[in-house]
Full PDB file with SEQRES, HELIX, SHEET, SSBOND, CRYST1, ORIGX, SCALE, CONECT and MASTER records, all heavy atoms in Angstrom:
SEQRES   1 A   35  ALA GLU GLY GLY ALA GLU ALA VAL LYS LEU GLU GLY GLY          
SEQRES   2 A   35  ALA GLU PHE GLY ASP VAL ILE ARG ARG ILE VAL ARG ALA          
SEQRES   3 A   35  GLY VAL PRO VAL MET GLY HIS ILE GLY                          
HELIX    1 AA1 ALA A   14  PHE A   16  5                                   3    
HELIX    2 AA2 GLY A   17  ARG A   25  1                                   9    
SHEET    1 AA1 2 VAL A   8  LYS A   9  0                                        
SHEET    2 AA1 2 VAL A  30  MET A  31  1                                        
CRYST1    1.000    1.000    1.000  90.00  90.00  90.00 P 1           1          
ORIGX1      1.000000  0.000000  0.000000        0.00000                         
ORIGX2      0.000000  1.000000  0.000000        0.00000                         
ORIGX3      0.000000  0.000000  1.000000        0.00000                         
SCALE1      1.000000  0.000000  0.000000        0.00000                         
SCALE2      0.000000  1.000000  0.000000        0.00000                         
SCALE3      0.000000  0.000000  1.000000        0.00000                         
ATOM      1  N   ALA A   1     106.419  90.404  39.487  1.00  0.00           N  
ATOM      2  CA  ALA A   1     106.132  88.963  39.734  1.00  0.00           C  
ATOM      3  C   ALA A   1     107.106  88.023  39.008  1.00  0.00           C  
ATOM      4  O   ALA A   1     107.554  87.034  39.616  1.00  0.00           O  
ATOM      5  CB  ALA A   1     104.713  88.672  39.273  1.00  0.00           C  
ATOM      6  N   GLU A   2     107.448  88.312  37.756  1.00  0.00           N  
ATOM      7  CA  GLU A   2     108.350  87.461  37.011  1.00  0.00           C  
ATOM      8  C   GLU A   2     109.802  87.898  37.022  1.00  0.00           C  
ATOM      9  O   GLU A   2     110.714  87.089  37.059  1.00  0.00           O  
ATOM     10  CB  GLU A   2     107.868  87.330  35.538  1.00  0.00           C  
ATOM     11  CG  GLU A   2     106.450  86.838  35.377  1.00  0.00           C  
ATOM     12  CD  GLU A   2     106.007  86.926  33.891  1.00  0.00           C  
ATOM     13  OE1 GLU A   2     106.824  86.637  32.975  1.00  0.00           O  
ATOM     14  OE2 GLU A   2     104.825  87.295  33.692  1.00  0.00           O  
ATOM     15  N   GLY A   3     109.998  89.206  37.061  1.00  0.00           N  
ATOM     16  CA  GLY A   3     111.315  89.740  36.977  1.00  0.00           C  
ATOM     17  C   GLY A   3     111.966  89.984  38.378  1.00  0.00           C  
ATOM     18  O   GLY A   3     113.200  90.256  38.490  1.00  0.00           O  
ATOM     19  N   GLY A   4     111.181  89.869  39.459  1.00  0.00           N  
ATOM     20  CA  GLY A   4     111.799  90.094  40.777  1.00  0.00           C  
ATOM     21  C   GLY A   4     112.046  91.452  41.204  1.00  0.00           C  
ATOM     22  O   GLY A   4     112.767  91.744  42.148  1.00  0.00           O  
ATOM     23  N   ALA A   5     111.631  92.410  40.367  1.00  0.00           N  
ATOM     24  CA  ALA A   5     111.877  93.837  40.727  1.00  0.00           C  
ATOM     25  C   ALA A   5     111.069  94.255  41.919  1.00  0.00           C  
ATOM     26  O   ALA A   5     109.934  93.709  42.202  1.00  0.00           O  
ATOM     27  CB  ALA A   5     111.582  94.758  39.494  1.00  0.00           C  
ATOM     28  N   GLU A   6     111.602  95.249  42.639  1.00  0.00           N  
ATOM     29  CA  GLU A   6     110.844  95.828  43.794  1.00  0.00           C  
ATOM     30  C   GLU A   6     110.111  97.085  43.346  1.00  0.00           C  
ATOM     31  O   GLU A   6     109.196  97.569  44.033  1.00  0.00           O  
ATOM     32  CB  GLU A   6     111.799  96.175  44.884  1.00  0.00           C  
ATOM     33  CG  GLU A   6     112.556  95.028  45.460  1.00  0.00           C  
ATOM     34  CD  GLU A   6     113.699  95.496  46.350  1.00  0.00           C  
ATOM     35  OE1 GLU A   6     113.418  96.072  47.418  1.00  0.00           O  
ATOM     36  OE2 GLU A   6     114.815  95.248  46.014  1.00  0.00           O  
ATOM     37  N   ALA A   7     110.498  97.639  42.256  1.00  0.00           N  
ATOM     38  CA  ALA A   7     109.902  98.856  41.733  1.00  0.00           C  
ATOM     39  C   ALA A   7     110.103  98.941  40.249  1.00  0.00           C  
ATOM     40  O   ALA A   7     110.956  98.260  39.680  1.00  0.00           O  
ATOM     41  CB  ALA A   7     110.452 100.110  42.430  1.00  0.00           C  
ATOM     42  N   VAL A   8     109.397  99.841  39.580  1.00  0.00           N  
ATOM     43  CA  VAL A   8     109.569 100.041  38.156  1.00  0.00           C  
ATOM     44  C   VAL A   8     109.898 101.492  37.915  1.00  0.00           C  
ATOM     45  O   VAL A   8     109.592 102.366  38.719  1.00  0.00           O  
ATOM     46  CB  VAL A   8     108.323  99.651  37.312  1.00  0.00           C  
ATOM     47  CG1 VAL A   8     108.007  98.148  37.499  1.00  0.00           C  
ATOM     48  CG2 VAL A   8     107.065 100.490  37.727  1.00  0.00           C  
ATOM     49  N   LYS A   9     110.563 101.781  36.784  1.00  0.00           N  
ATOM     50  CA  LYS A   9     110.882 103.161  36.409  1.00  0.00           C  
ATOM     51  C   LYS A   9     110.278 103.408  35.089  1.00  0.00           C  
ATOM     52  O   LYS A   9     110.365 102.594  34.138  1.00  0.00           O  
ATOM     53  CB  LYS A   9     112.371 103.374  36.320  1.00  0.00           C  
ATOM     54  CG  LYS A   9     112.736 104.836  35.923  1.00  0.00           C  
ATOM     55  CD  LYS A   9     114.262 105.095  36.048  1.00  0.00           C  
ATOM     56  CE  LYS A   9     115.020 104.412  34.948  1.00  0.00           C  
ATOM     57  NZ  LYS A   9     114.690 105.016  33.597  1.00  0.00           N  
ATOM     58  N   LEU A  10     109.642 104.547  34.896  1.00  0.00           N  
ATOM     59  CA  LEU A  10     109.120 104.945  33.595  1.00  0.00           C  
ATOM     60  C   LEU A  10     109.478 106.420  33.318  1.00  0.00           C  
ATOM     61  O   LEU A  10     109.677 107.211  34.173  1.00  0.00           O  
ATOM     62  CB  LEU A  10     107.620 104.707  33.526  1.00  0.00           C  
ATOM     63  CG  LEU A  10     106.668 105.420  34.480  1.00  0.00           C  
ATOM     64  CD1 LEU A  10     106.344 106.815  34.035  1.00  0.00           C  
ATOM     65  CD2 LEU A  10     105.367 104.581  34.605  1.00  0.00           C  
ATOM     66  N   GLU A  11     109.601 106.675  32.034  1.00  0.00           N  
ATOM     67  CA  GLU A  11     109.983 107.988  31.578  1.00  0.00           C  
ATOM     68  C   GLU A  11     108.758 108.840  31.251  1.00  0.00           C  
ATOM     69  O   GLU A  11     107.759 108.322  30.807  1.00  0.00           O  
ATOM     70  CB  GLU A  11     110.804 107.846  30.279  1.00  0.00           C  
ATOM     71  CG  GLU A  11     112.076 107.094  30.441  1.00  0.00           C  
ATOM     72  CD  GLU A  11     112.847 106.898  29.145  1.00  0.00           C  
ATOM     73  OE1 GLU A  11     112.527 107.542  28.177  1.00  0.00           O  
ATOM     74  OE2 GLU A  11     113.838 106.119  29.132  1.00  0.00           O  
ATOM     75  N   GLY A  12     108.931 110.126  31.486  1.00  0.00           N  
ATOM     76  CA  GLY A  12     107.833 111.075  31.150  1.00  0.00           C  
ATOM     77  C   GLY A  12     107.406 111.976  32.305  1.00  0.00           C  
ATOM     78  O   GLY A  12     107.739 111.690  33.498  1.00  0.00           O  
ATOM     79  N   GLY A  13     106.753 113.054  31.935  1.00  0.00           N  
ATOM     80  CA  GLY A  13     106.348 114.057  32.954  1.00  0.00           C  
ATOM     81  C   GLY A  13     104.927 113.942  33.404  1.00  0.00           C  
ATOM     82  O   GLY A  13     104.352 112.832  33.534  1.00  0.00           O  
ATOM     83  N   ALA A  14     104.298 115.108  33.598  1.00  0.00           N  
ATOM     84  CA  ALA A  14     102.952 115.148  34.189  1.00  0.00           C  
ATOM     85  C   ALA A  14     101.938 114.357  33.378  1.00  0.00           C  
ATOM     86  O   ALA A  14     100.940 113.926  33.920  1.00  0.00           O  
ATOM     87  CB  ALA A  14     102.567 116.620  34.305  1.00  0.00           C  
ATOM     88  N   GLU A  15     102.203 114.228  32.088  1.00  0.00           N  
ATOM     89  CA  GLU A  15     101.228 113.542  31.228  1.00  0.00           C  
ATOM     90  C   GLU A  15     101.045 112.068  31.611  1.00  0.00           C  
ATOM     91  O   GLU A  15     100.077 111.460  31.265  1.00  0.00           O  
ATOM     92  CB  GLU A  15     101.636 113.608  29.753  1.00  0.00           C  
ATOM     93  CG  GLU A  15     102.931 112.886  29.388  1.00  0.00           C  
ATOM     94  CD  GLU A  15     104.187 113.650  29.596  1.00  0.00           C  
ATOM     95  OE1 GLU A  15     104.149 114.628  30.320  1.00  0.00           O  
ATOM     96  OE2 GLU A  15     105.219 113.304  28.966  1.00  0.00           O  
ATOM     97  N   PHE A  16     101.977 111.505  32.411  1.00  0.00           N  
ATOM     98  CA  PHE A  16     101.867 110.111  32.849  1.00  0.00           C  
ATOM     99  C   PHE A  16     101.457 110.023  34.303  1.00  0.00           C  
ATOM    100  O   PHE A  16     101.547 108.964  34.970  1.00  0.00           O  
ATOM    101  CB  PHE A  16     103.162 109.399  32.679  1.00  0.00           C  
ATOM    102  CG  PHE A  16     103.446 109.170  31.195  1.00  0.00           C  
ATOM    103  CD1 PHE A  16     104.448 109.912  30.508  1.00  0.00           C  
ATOM    104  CD2 PHE A  16     102.794 108.163  30.496  1.00  0.00           C  
ATOM    105  CE1 PHE A  16     104.728 109.709  29.173  1.00  0.00           C  
ATOM    106  CE2 PHE A  16     103.039 107.933  29.131  1.00  0.00           C  
ATOM    107  CZ  PHE A  16     104.020 108.740  28.483  1.00  0.00           C  
ATOM    108  N   GLY A  17     100.910 111.137  34.864  1.00  0.00           N  
ATOM    109  CA  GLY A  17     100.494 111.081  36.247  1.00  0.00           C  
ATOM    110  C   GLY A  17      99.422 110.067  36.515  1.00  0.00           C  
ATOM    111  O   GLY A  17      99.519 109.353  37.539  1.00  0.00           O  
ATOM    112  N   ASP A  18      98.401 109.948  35.711  1.00  0.00           N  
ATOM    113  CA  ASP A  18      97.364 108.965  35.886  1.00  0.00           C  
ATOM    114  C   ASP A  18      97.862 107.574  35.819  1.00  0.00           C  
ATOM    115  O   ASP A  18      97.448 106.652  36.599  1.00  0.00           O  
ATOM    116  CB  ASP A  18      96.187 109.164  34.864  1.00  0.00           C  
ATOM    117  CG  ASP A  18      95.418 110.434  35.122  1.00  0.00           C  
ATOM    118  OD1 ASP A  18      95.518 110.970  36.267  1.00  0.00           O  
ATOM    119  OD2 ASP A  18      94.756 110.918  34.142  1.00  0.00           O  
ATOM    120  N   VAL A  19      98.765 107.293  34.895  1.00  0.00           N  
ATOM    121  CA  VAL A  19      99.363 105.966  34.744  1.00  0.00           C  
ATOM    122  C   VAL A  19     100.130 105.586  35.999  1.00  0.00           C  
ATOM    123  O   VAL A  19     100.047 104.464  36.537  1.00  0.00           O  
ATOM    124  CB  VAL A  19     100.326 105.933  33.524  1.00  0.00           C  
ATOM    125  CG1 VAL A  19     101.113 104.607  33.521  1.00  0.00           C  
ATOM    126  CG2 VAL A  19      99.517 106.048  32.215  1.00  0.00           C  
ATOM    127  N   ILE A  20     100.906 106.549  36.538  1.00  0.00           N  
ATOM    128  CA  ILE A  20     101.695 106.320  37.769  1.00  0.00           C  
ATOM    129  C   ILE A  20     100.745 106.035  38.931  1.00  0.00           C  
ATOM    130  O   ILE A  20     101.023 105.141  39.729  1.00  0.00           O  
ATOM    131  CB  ILE A  20     102.624 107.496  38.036  1.00  0.00           C  
ATOM    132  CG1 ILE A  20     103.651 107.608  37.018  1.00  0.00           C  
ATOM    133  CG2 ILE A  20     103.223 107.456  39.451  1.00  0.00           C  
ATOM    134  CD1 ILE A  20     104.486 108.884  36.969  1.00  0.00           C  
ATOM    135  N   ARG A  21      99.683 106.801  39.036  1.00  0.00           N  
ATOM    136  CA  ARG A  21      98.754 106.615  40.135  1.00  0.00           C  
ATOM    137  C   ARG A  21      98.153 105.160  40.058  1.00  0.00           C  
ATOM    138  O   ARG A  21      98.030 104.527  41.101  1.00  0.00           O  
ATOM    139  CB  ARG A  21      97.651 107.613  40.054  1.00  0.00           C  
ATOM    140  CG  ARG A  21      98.045 109.046  40.416  1.00  0.00           C  
ATOM    141  CD  ARG A  21      96.871 109.966  40.472  1.00  0.00           C  
ATOM    142  NE  ARG A  21      97.276 111.320  40.767  1.00  0.00           N  
ATOM    143  CZ  ARG A  21      97.607 112.215  39.802  1.00  0.00           C  
ATOM    144  NH1 ARG A  21      97.533 111.884  38.521  1.00  0.00           N  
ATOM    145  NH2 ARG A  21      98.000 113.413  40.150  1.00  0.00           N  
ATOM    146  N   ARG A  22      97.819 104.720  38.876  1.00  0.00           N  
ATOM    147  CA  ARG A  22      97.229 103.386  38.766  1.00  0.00           C  
ATOM    148  C   ARG A  22      98.232 102.308  39.130  1.00  0.00           C  
ATOM    149  O   ARG A  22      97.874 101.345  39.797  1.00  0.00           O  
ATOM    150  CB  ARG A  22      96.779 103.210  37.302  1.00  0.00           C  
ATOM    151  CG  ARG A  22      95.499 103.890  36.926  1.00  0.00           C  
ATOM    152  CD  ARG A  22      94.282 103.185  37.535  1.00  0.00           C  
ATOM    153  NE  ARG A  22      94.281 101.761  37.127  1.00  0.00           N  
ATOM    154  CZ  ARG A  22      93.774 101.349  35.939  1.00  0.00           C  
ATOM    155  NH1 ARG A  22      93.281 102.229  35.042  1.00  0.00           N  
ATOM    156  NH2 ARG A  22      93.778 100.053  35.660  1.00  0.00           N  
ATOM    157  N   ILE A  23      99.489 102.432  38.702  1.00  0.00           N  
ATOM    158  CA  ILE A  23     100.501 101.450  39.043  1.00  0.00           C  
ATOM    159  C   ILE A  23     100.779 101.433  40.543  1.00  0.00           C  
ATOM    160  O   ILE A  23     100.812 100.336  41.157  1.00  0.00           O  
ATOM    161  CB  ILE A  23     101.805 101.739  38.255  1.00  0.00           C  
ATOM    162  CG1 ILE A  23     101.586 101.589  36.798  1.00  0.00           C  
ATOM    163  CG2 ILE A  23     102.877 100.763  38.718  1.00  0.00           C  
ATOM    164  CD1 ILE A  23     102.804 101.983  35.933  1.00  0.00           C  
ATOM    165  N   VAL A  24     100.892 102.582  41.159  1.00  0.00           N  
ATOM    166  CA  VAL A  24     101.102 102.656  42.601  1.00  0.00           C  
ATOM    167  C   VAL A  24      99.913 102.076  43.374  1.00  0.00           C  
ATOM    168  O   VAL A  24     100.078 101.367  44.320  1.00  0.00           O  
ATOM    169  CB  VAL A  24     101.392 104.110  43.005  1.00  0.00           C  
ATOM    170  CG1 VAL A  24     101.392 104.221  44.524  1.00  0.00           C  
ATOM    171  CG2 VAL A  24     102.665 104.653  42.398  1.00  0.00           C  
ATOM    172  N   ARG A  25      98.729 102.383  42.864  1.00  0.00           N  
ATOM    173  CA  ARG A  25      97.493 101.843  43.480  1.00  0.00           C  
ATOM    174  C   ARG A  25      97.486 100.309  43.450  1.00  0.00           C  
ATOM    175  O   ARG A  25      96.947  99.669  44.326  1.00  0.00           O  
ATOM    176  CB  ARG A  25      96.273 102.446  42.841  1.00  0.00           C  
ATOM    177  CG  ARG A  25      94.946 102.197  43.567  1.00  0.00           C  
ATOM    178  CD  ARG A  25      93.794 102.788  42.792  1.00  0.00           C  
ATOM    179  NE  ARG A  25      94.032 104.148  42.442  1.00  0.00           N  
ATOM    180  CZ  ARG A  25      93.561 104.671  41.255  1.00  0.00           C  
ATOM    181  NH1 ARG A  25      92.822 103.962  40.434  1.00  0.00           N  
ATOM    182  NH2 ARG A  25      93.781 105.923  41.017  1.00  0.00           N  
ATOM    183  N   ALA A  26      98.093  99.786  42.421  1.00  0.00           N  
ATOM    184  CA  ALA A  26      98.128  98.309  42.298  1.00  0.00           C  
ATOM    185  C   ALA A  26      99.205  97.680  43.134  1.00  0.00           C  
ATOM    186  O   ALA A  26      99.375  96.473  43.197  1.00  0.00           O  
ATOM    187  CB  ALA A  26      98.407  97.935  40.839  1.00  0.00           C  
ATOM    188  N   GLY A  27      99.989  98.544  43.875  1.00  0.00           N  
ATOM    189  CA  GLY A  27     100.961  98.004  44.792  1.00  0.00           C  
ATOM    190  C   GLY A  27     102.392  97.978  44.297  1.00  0.00           C  
ATOM    191  O   GLY A  27     103.228  97.385  44.971  1.00  0.00           O  
ATOM    192  N   VAL A  28     102.637  98.613  43.199  1.00  0.00           N  
ATOM    193  CA  VAL A  28     103.997  98.622  42.637  1.00  0.00           C  
ATOM    194  C   VAL A  28     104.624 100.045  42.775  1.00  0.00           C  
ATOM    195  O   VAL A  28     104.083 100.962  42.167  1.00  0.00           O  
ATOM    196  CB  VAL A  28     104.026  98.184  41.157  1.00  0.00           C  
ATOM    197  CG1 VAL A  28     105.463  98.250  40.572  1.00  0.00           C  
ATOM    198  CG2 VAL A  28     103.451  96.785  41.028  1.00  0.00           C  
ATOM    199  N   PRO A  29     105.693 100.197  43.492  1.00  0.00           N  
ATOM    200  CA  PRO A  29     106.356 101.537  43.582  1.00  0.00           C  
ATOM    201  C   PRO A  29     106.867 101.953  42.239  1.00  0.00           C  
ATOM    202  O   PRO A  29     107.356 101.161  41.395  1.00  0.00           O  
ATOM    203  CB  PRO A  29     107.523 101.307  44.555  1.00  0.00           C  
ATOM    204  CG  PRO A  29     107.053 100.100  45.325  1.00  0.00           C  
ATOM    205  CD  PRO A  29     106.361  99.241  44.370  1.00  0.00           C  
ATOM    206  N   VAL A  30     106.824 103.278  41.974  1.00  0.00           N  
ATOM    207  CA  VAL A  30     107.241 103.845  40.682  1.00  0.00           C  
ATOM    208  C   VAL A  30     108.345 104.863  40.910  1.00  0.00           C  
ATOM    209  O   VAL A  30     108.172 105.825  41.679  1.00  0.00           O  
ATOM    210  CB  VAL A  30     106.080 104.447  39.927  1.00  0.00           C  
ATOM    211  CG1 VAL A  30     106.581 105.126  38.627  1.00  0.00           C  
ATOM    212  CG2 VAL A  30     105.000 103.428  39.621  1.00  0.00           C  
ATOM    213  N   MET A  31     109.452 104.730  40.167  1.00  0.00           N  
ATOM    214  CA  MET A  31     110.442 105.752  40.104  1.00  0.00           C  
ATOM    215  C   MET A  31     110.232 106.502  38.803  1.00  0.00           C  
ATOM    216  O   MET A  31     110.116 105.937  37.727  1.00  0.00           O  
ATOM    217  CB  MET A  31     111.885 105.122  40.087  1.00  0.00           C  
ATOM    218  CG  MET A  31     112.999 106.101  39.968  1.00  0.00           C  
ATOM    219  SD  MET A  31     114.664 105.222  39.994  1.00  0.00           S  
ATOM    220  CE  MET A  31     114.747 104.815  41.731  1.00  0.00           C  
ATOM    221  N   GLY A  32     110.198 107.824  38.885  1.00  0.00           N  
ATOM    222  CA  GLY A  32     109.994 108.638  37.673  1.00  0.00           C  
ATOM    223  C   GLY A  32     111.278 108.927  36.988  1.00  0.00           C  
ATOM    224  O   GLY A  32     112.366 108.669  37.472  1.00  0.00           O  
ATOM    225  N   HIS A  33     111.247 109.529  35.794  1.00  0.00           N  
ATOM    226  CA  HIS A  33     112.431 109.860  34.981  1.00  0.00           C  
ATOM    227  C   HIS A  33     112.105 110.981  34.061  1.00  0.00           C  
ATOM    228  O   HIS A  33     111.302 110.848  33.162  1.00  0.00           O  
ATOM    229  CB  HIS A  33     112.814 108.574  34.232  1.00  0.00           C  
ATOM    230  CG  HIS A  33     114.097 108.726  33.381  1.00  0.00           C  
ATOM    231  ND1 HIS A  33     114.830 107.680  32.942  1.00  0.00           N  
ATOM    232  CD2 HIS A  33     114.730 109.860  32.929  1.00  0.00           C  
ATOM    233  CE1 HIS A  33     115.845 108.050  32.242  1.00  0.00           C  
ATOM    234  NE2 HIS A  33     115.817 109.436  32.228  1.00  0.00           N  
ATOM    235  N   ILE A  34     112.738 112.130  34.274  1.00  0.00           N  
ATOM    236  CA  ILE A  34     112.530 113.297  33.448  1.00  0.00           C  
ATOM    237  C   ILE A  34     113.835 113.914  33.047  1.00  0.00           C  
ATOM    238  O   ILE A  34     114.929 113.495  33.452  1.00  0.00           O  
ATOM    239  CB  ILE A  34     111.659 114.340  34.186  1.00  0.00           C  
ATOM    240  CG1 ILE A  34     112.255 114.773  35.463  1.00  0.00           C  
ATOM    241  CG2 ILE A  34     110.245 113.845  34.389  1.00  0.00           C  
ATOM    242  CD1 ILE A  34     111.545 115.950  36.235  1.00  0.00           C  
ATOM    243  N   GLY A  35     113.744 114.958  32.211  1.00  0.00           N  
ATOM    244  CA  GLY A  35     114.922 115.550  31.591  1.00  0.00           C  
ATOM    245  C   GLY A  35     115.121 114.910  30.264  1.00  0.00           C  
ATOM    246  O   GLY A  35     114.204 114.880  29.390  1.00  0.00           O  
TER     247      GLY A  35                                                      
MASTER        0    0    0    2    2    0    0    6  246    1    0    3          
END                                                                             
């Protein structure tokens, strides 16, 4: 809304699955980041 991004990226693996689901459910696409 403020930054004008179309999607967000967050770091972490399976432990952030629920967080990603919530963000996606809110209408914000999520790019993952592992390694």
